[in-house]
Amino acid sequence: METREMRYFVAVAEELHFGRAAQRLSIAQPPLSRAIQQLERRLGVVLLHRTARSVALTEAGSVLLHEARFALEAVEAAERRTRRAATGRPGVVLASKAGASKELVSRLLDAYAARPDAVEVEVVLCGPSEAESLLRNGRADVALLQRPYDATTGFDTEELHTERQIVVLPVGHPLAHRSEMSAAEVDAMTDPPLPRWPRADGSYVDGPGPRVRDHTQLIQLITLGRACALLPESLGAQLGDDHAVVSVPDAPAVTTVIAWPPQCRSKAVADLVRTAANL
């Protein structure tokens, strides 16, 4: 398969409309339709159900959409990393969620800077799921990710820390006096509800909770009594007196990992990973 064909198919699969997909790709609709038909003939499968009124993905089409997105990201990442390598400027780009792993990032940077062969580390603080995306598309060389919230499929990883989760409530909430809550109780909360985080494509799931994009926004909403949140236990130490923290023992544990592309051959990345593991 050619990357051009994958880009064409992804556009149609995401738009579910040949006209809009052609406009998005800046090409005419007839050659786009022919390209998709040629791709189906070559693969020997039907990727799209077409009627006069609608376009829908088949099961095979859904699989190809998922795989093609990863493949196109890998190609774009290769292009970016190659261009960055050609600049001759040594350095490492580290991506991490804003507000998460704050102490770990600080300790890691200090320990790595103490190495005699250390290079400059650019830290990119980003929102949920963005660190993973930055690593996949080549804008970051290494990232601190948190399972189960971040997907690490396709990366090499080193586990750094595992911790329990807590629920953060507005101070004065009727449940704030509890020492423990179950994960089911937290999921069922409506006053205030859990927030809704963006998906990788920027959309939000349906639900009553407020939309949030970053840690700072979330903490303000909790202070105002508009949201509660299930968070790693280490974030509790960063909260002020206007928040209450309750342990959730049966919630899935959160494991912080340092992740990097498996094909990476950068000595600086290897040294940074080794420093993180030694912490």
Protein backbone atom coordinates (compact mmCIF):
# COMPACT_ATOMS: atom_id res chain seq x y z
CA MET A 1 0.00 0.00 0.00
CA GLU A 2 1.13 3.52 -0.75
CA THR A 3 0.91 6.30 1.83
CA ARG A 4 -1.17 8.28 -0.70
CA GLU A 5 -3.78 5.52 -0.75
CA MET A 6 -3.85 5.36 3.03
CA ARG A 7 -4.34 9.13 3.28
CA TYR A 8 -7.18 8.94 0.77
CA PHE A 9 -8.87 6.10 2.64
CA VAL A 10 -8.47 7.75 6.07
CA ALA A 11 -10.07 10.96 4.76
CA VAL A 12 -13.08 9.06 3.38
CA ALA A 13 -13.37 6.87 6.49
CA GLU A 14 -13.33 9.87 8.82
CA GLU A 15 -15.66 12.05 6.77
CA LEU A 16 -17.93 9.17 5.60
CA HIS A 17 -18.61 11.35 2.58
CA PHE A 18 -16.65 11.29 -0.69
CA GLY A 19 -17.38 14.92 -1.49
CA ARG A 20 -16.13 16.25 1.84
CA ALA A 21 -13.13 13.91 1.75
CA ALA A 22 -12.20 15.13 -1.75
CA GLN A 23 -12.49 18.73 -0.61
CA ARG A 24 -10.31 17.98 2.44
CA LEU A 25 -7.68 16.37 0.19
CA SER A 26 -7.93 19.15 -2.44
CA ILE A 27 -8.62 16.68 -5.23
CA ALA A 28 -11.61 15.92 -7.45
CA GLN A 29 -14.13 13.32 -6.31
CA PRO A 30 -13.93 10.88 -9.30
CA PRO A 31 -10.20 10.05 -8.88
CA LEU A 32 -10.74 9.64 -5.14
CA SER A 33 -13.55 7.12 -5.76
CA ARG A 34 -11.39 5.24 -8.28
CA ALA A 35 -8.46 5.12 -5.82
CA ILE A 36 -10.65 3.59 -3.08
CA GLN A 37 -12.09 1.03 -5.52
CA GLN A 38 -8.58 0.11 -6.68
CA LEU A 39 -7.48 -0.31 -3.05
CA GLU A 40 -10.44 -2.62 -2.35
CA ARG A 41 -9.65 -4.73 -5.44
CA ARG A 42 -5.99 -5.05 -4.46
CA LEU A 43 -6.81 -6.06 -0.87
CA GLY A 44 -9.69 -8.29 -1.97
CA VAL A 45 -12.07 -6.84 0.64
CA VAL A 46 -14.93 -4.36 0.83
CA LEU A 47 -13.88 -1.39 2.95
CA LEU A 48 -16.97 0.80 2.62
CA HIS A 49 -20.71 0.19 2.32
CA ARG A 50 -21.99 2.77 -0.17
CA THR A 51 -25.59 3.80 -0.84
CA ALA A 52 -27.03 6.81 -2.60
CA ARG A 53 -27.43 8.53 0.78
CA SER A 54 -24.61 7.30 3.00
CA VAL A 55 -21.16 5.77 3.37
CA ALA A 56 -20.34 3.38 6.23
CA LEU A 57 -17.28 1.43 7.25
CA THR A 58 -17.26 -2.35 7.05
CA GLU A 59 -15.47 -4.36 9.74
CA ALA A 60 -12.45 -4.60 7.44
CA GLY A 61 -12.64 -0.85 6.85
CA SER A 62 -12.61 -0.16 10.59
CA VAL A 63 -9.48 -2.28 10.97
CA LEU A 64 -7.74 -0.50 8.09
CA LEU A 65 -8.68 2.92 9.50
CA HIS A 66 -7.05 2.03 12.82
CA GLU A 67 -3.94 0.57 11.20
CA ALA A 68 -3.59 3.31 8.57
CA ARG A 69 -3.64 6.04 11.20
CA PHE A 70 -0.74 4.37 13.01
CA ALA A 71 1.14 3.80 9.74
CA LEU A 72 0.76 7.42 8.61
CA GLU A 73 1.86 8.66 12.03
CA ALA A 74 4.94 6.45 11.78
CA VAL A 75 5.82 7.85 8.35
CA GLU A 76 5.37 11.45 9.53
CA ALA A 77 7.42 10.70 12.65
CA ALA A 78 10.25 9.31 10.50
CA GLU A 79 10.23 12.47 8.40
CA ARG A 80 10.32 14.77 11.44
CA ARG A 81 13.06 12.86 13.24
CA THR A 82 15.18 12.71 10.08
CA ARG A 83 14.91 16.48 9.56
CA ARG A 84 15.73 17.16 13.20
CA ALA A 85 18.76 14.88 13.03
CA ALA A 86 20.01 16.79 9.96
CA THR A 87 20.12 20.07 11.90
CA GLY A 88 23.10 18.76 13.85
CA ARG A 89 21.76 20.21 17.11
CA PRO A 90 21.97 17.64 19.93
CA GLY A 91 19.05 17.50 22.28
CA VAL A 92 16.08 15.49 23.49
CA VAL A 93 12.40 16.43 23.55
CA LEU A 94 10.59 15.01 26.60
CA ALA A 95 6.78 15.09 26.66
CA SER A 96 4.80 14.87 29.90
CA LYS A 97 1.29 15.71 31.09
CA ALA A 98 1.06 19.11 32.72
CA GLY A 99 0.52 18.61 36.46
CA ALA A 100 1.42 14.91 36.38
CA SER A 101 4.72 13.36 37.52
CA LYS A 102 5.86 16.84 38.59
CA GLU A 103 8.36 15.62 41.20
CA LEU A 104 9.60 12.84 38.93
CA VAL A 105 10.26 15.23 36.03
CA SER A 106 12.20 17.59 38.31
CA ARG A 107 14.34 14.79 39.76
CA LEU A 108 14.92 13.29 36.32
CA LEU A 109 16.10 16.57 34.80
CA ASP A 110 18.44 17.27 37.73
CA ALA A 111 19.93 13.78 37.67
CA TYR A 112 20.40 13.78 33.90
CA ALA A 113 21.94 17.28 33.88
CA ALA A 114 24.59 16.02 36.31
CA ARG A 115 25.93 13.64 33.65
CA PRO A 116 29.09 14.93 31.95
CA ASP A 117 27.71 14.02 28.51
CA ALA A 118 24.21 15.47 29.07
CA VAL A 119 22.55 17.33 26.21
CA GLU A 120 19.78 19.91 26.38
CA VAL A 121 16.36 18.50 27.30
CA GLU A 122 13.33 20.39 26.01
CA VAL A 123 10.28 19.61 28.17
CA VAL A 124 6.87 19.82 26.50
CA LEU A 125 4.02 19.93 29.02
CA CYS A 126 0.74 18.93 27.44
CA GLY A 127 -2.80 17.77 28.09
CA PRO A 128 -4.13 14.23 28.55
CA SER A 129 -3.32 11.85 25.66
CA GLU A 130 -1.18 14.51 23.98
CA ALA A 131 2.15 13.14 25.26
CA GLU A 132 1.40 9.82 23.59
CA SER A 133 0.48 11.58 20.33
CA LEU A 134 3.63 13.72 20.38
CA LEU A 135 5.74 10.58 20.76
CA ARG A 136 3.90 8.77 17.96
CA ASN A 137 4.12 11.64 15.46
CA GLY A 138 7.79 12.37 16.07
CA ARG A 139 7.47 15.71 17.84
CA ALA A 140 8.89 14.12 21.02
CA ASP A 141 11.77 11.68 21.46
CA VAL A 142 10.67 10.27 24.81
CA ALA A 143 7.59 10.64 27.02
CA LEU A 144 6.34 9.99 30.51
CA LEU A 145 3.06 8.10 30.14
CA GLN A 146 0.59 6.69 32.63
CA ARG A 147 -1.08 3.33 32.22
CA PRO A 148 -3.98 2.59 31.94
CA TYR A 149 -4.81 6.10 30.70
CA ASP A 150 -2.14 6.22 27.97
CA ALA A 151 -1.66 3.51 25.35
CA THR A 152 1.91 2.26 25.12
CA THR A 153 1.42 -0.22 22.28
CA GLY A 154 4.26 0.14 19.78
CA PHE A 155 6.68 1.76 22.25
CA ASP A 156 9.53 0.41 24.30
CA THR A 157 8.92 1.26 27.97
CA GLU A 158 10.51 1.16 31.39
CA GLU A 159 8.23 1.15 34.45
CA LEU A 160 9.14 3.87 36.95
CA HIS A 161 6.41 4.05 39.58
CA THR A 162 3.06 2.47 40.49
CA GLU A 163 0.54 4.13 42.79
CA ARG A 164 -3.05 3.92 43.92
CA GLN A 165 -5.78 6.35 42.91
CA ILE A 166 -7.78 8.86 44.92
CA VAL A 167 -10.96 10.79 44.31
CA VAL A 168 -10.69 14.55 44.76
CA LEU A 169 -13.83 16.31 46.01
CA PRO A 170 -14.72 19.91 46.85
CA VAL A 171 -14.05 20.64 50.51
CA GLY A 172 -17.29 20.35 52.46
CA HIS A 173 -18.73 17.69 50.15
CA PRO A 174 -20.95 15.21 52.09
CA LEU A 175 -18.56 12.35 51.24
CA ALA A 176 -15.38 14.24 52.07
CA HIS A 177 -15.24 12.73 55.57
CA ARG A 178 -14.98 9.18 54.18
CA SER A 179 -11.62 7.44 54.41
CA GLU A 180 -12.39 5.21 51.40
CA MET A 181 -14.78 4.96 48.47
CA SER A 182 -15.24 2.22 45.90
CA ALA A 183 -14.59 2.76 42.22
CA ALA A 184 -18.26 1.99 41.54
CA GLU A 185 -19.32 4.78 43.92
CA VAL A 186 -17.02 7.22 42.16
CA ASP A 187 -18.30 6.22 38.71
CA ALA A 188 -21.89 6.71 39.87
CA MET A 189 -21.34 10.23 41.24
CA THR A 190 -23.51 12.94 39.73
CA ASP A 191 -23.12 15.74 42.29
CA PRO A 192 -20.58 16.69 41.22
CA PRO A 193 -19.92 14.43 38.20
CA LEU A 194 -16.63 13.16 36.84
CA PRO A 195 -15.13 15.31 34.06
CA ARG A 196 -14.98 14.40 30.39
CA TRP A 197 -11.51 14.33 28.86
CA PRO A 198 -10.94 14.72 25.10
CA ARG A 199 -10.26 11.74 22.89
CA ALA A 200 -7.18 11.67 20.67
CA ASP A 201 -9.20 13.33 17.86
CA GLY A 202 -10.35 16.15 20.16
CA SER A 203 -13.97 14.96 20.52
CA TYR A 204 -15.68 14.21 23.84
CA VAL A 205 -17.84 11.32 24.98
CA ASP A 206 -21.44 12.16 25.83
CA GLY A 207 -22.23 12.63 29.50
CA PRO A 208 -23.15 15.07 32.27
CA GLY A 209 -19.61 15.99 33.34
CA PRO A 210 -17.88 19.21 32.28
CA ARG A 211 -15.39 19.16 29.44
CA VAL A 212 -11.80 19.63 30.60
CA ARG A 213 -8.53 19.89 28.71
CA ASP A 214 -5.88 20.25 31.40
CA HIS A 215 -5.08 19.72 35.06
CA THR A 216 -5.38 23.41 36.02
CA GLN A 217 -8.88 23.67 34.56
CA LEU A 218 -9.93 20.48 36.35
CA ILE A 219 -8.72 21.68 39.76
CA GLN A 220 -10.61 24.96 39.36
CA LEU A 221 -13.81 23.08 38.48
CA ILE A 222 -13.43 20.90 41.58
CA THR A 223 -12.92 24.00 43.73
CA LEU A 224 -16.14 25.45 42.32
CA GLY A 225 -18.03 22.24 43.08
CA ARG A 226 -18.64 21.46 39.40
CA ALA A 227 -16.59 18.26 39.16
CA CYS A 228 -14.82 15.51 41.07
CA ALA A 229 -11.90 13.53 39.72
CA LEU A 230 -10.17 10.17 40.00
CA LEU A 231 -6.44 10.92 40.03
CA PRO A 232 -3.09 9.29 40.91
CA GLU A 233 -2.37 9.49 44.63
CA SER A 234 0.76 11.62 44.14
CA LEU A 235 -1.34 14.52 42.84
CA GLY A 236 -3.06 14.79 46.24
CA ALA A 237 0.06 16.40 47.72
CA GLN A 238 -0.23 19.26 45.21
CA LEU A 239 -3.76 20.24 46.28
CA GLY A 240 -4.71 23.04 48.63
CA ASP A 241 -7.07 23.21 51.60
CA ASP A 242 -10.10 23.74 49.36
CA HIS A 243 -10.05 20.10 48.23
CA ALA A 244 -10.78 16.83 49.99
CA VAL A 245 -9.04 13.56 49.12
CA VAL A 246 -10.58 10.10 49.58
CA SER A 247 -8.76 6.84 48.84
CA VAL A 248 -10.20 4.48 46.18
CA PRO A 249 -8.46 1.14 46.90
CA ASP A 250 -10.16 -0.90 44.18
CA ALA A 251 -9.50 1.57 41.36
CA PRO A 252 -6.90 0.40 38.82
CA ALA A 253 -3.35 1.27 39.87
CA VAL A 254 -1.58 3.92 37.79
CA THR A 255 1.88 3.03 36.50
CA THR A 256 4.13 5.79 35.22
CA VAL A 257 6.46 4.63 32.45
CA ILE A 258 9.10 6.30 30.34
CA ALA A 259 8.46 5.42 26.69
CA TRP A 260 10.42 5.78 23.46
CA PRO A 261 10.19 4.48 19.86
CA PRO A 262 11.66 0.97 19.53
CA GLN A 263 13.74 1.96 16.49
CA CYS A 264 15.42 4.85 18.34
CA ARG A 265 19.24 4.70 18.34
CA SER A 266 19.89 8.01 20.12
CA LYS A 267 22.53 7.80 22.87
CA ALA A 268 20.96 10.83 24.57
CA VAL A 269 17.55 9.10 24.74
CA ALA A 270 19.19 5.92 26.07
CA ASP A 271 21.02 7.91 28.75
CA LEU A 272 17.82 9.73 29.76
CA VAL A 273 15.91 6.43 30.02
CA ARG A 274 18.72 4.87 32.04
CA THR A 275 18.75 7.88 34.39
CA ALA A 276 14.98 7.60 34.90
CA ALA A 277 15.22 3.88 35.64
CA ASN A 278 18.00 4.50 38.19
CA LEU A 279 15.84 6.97 40.11
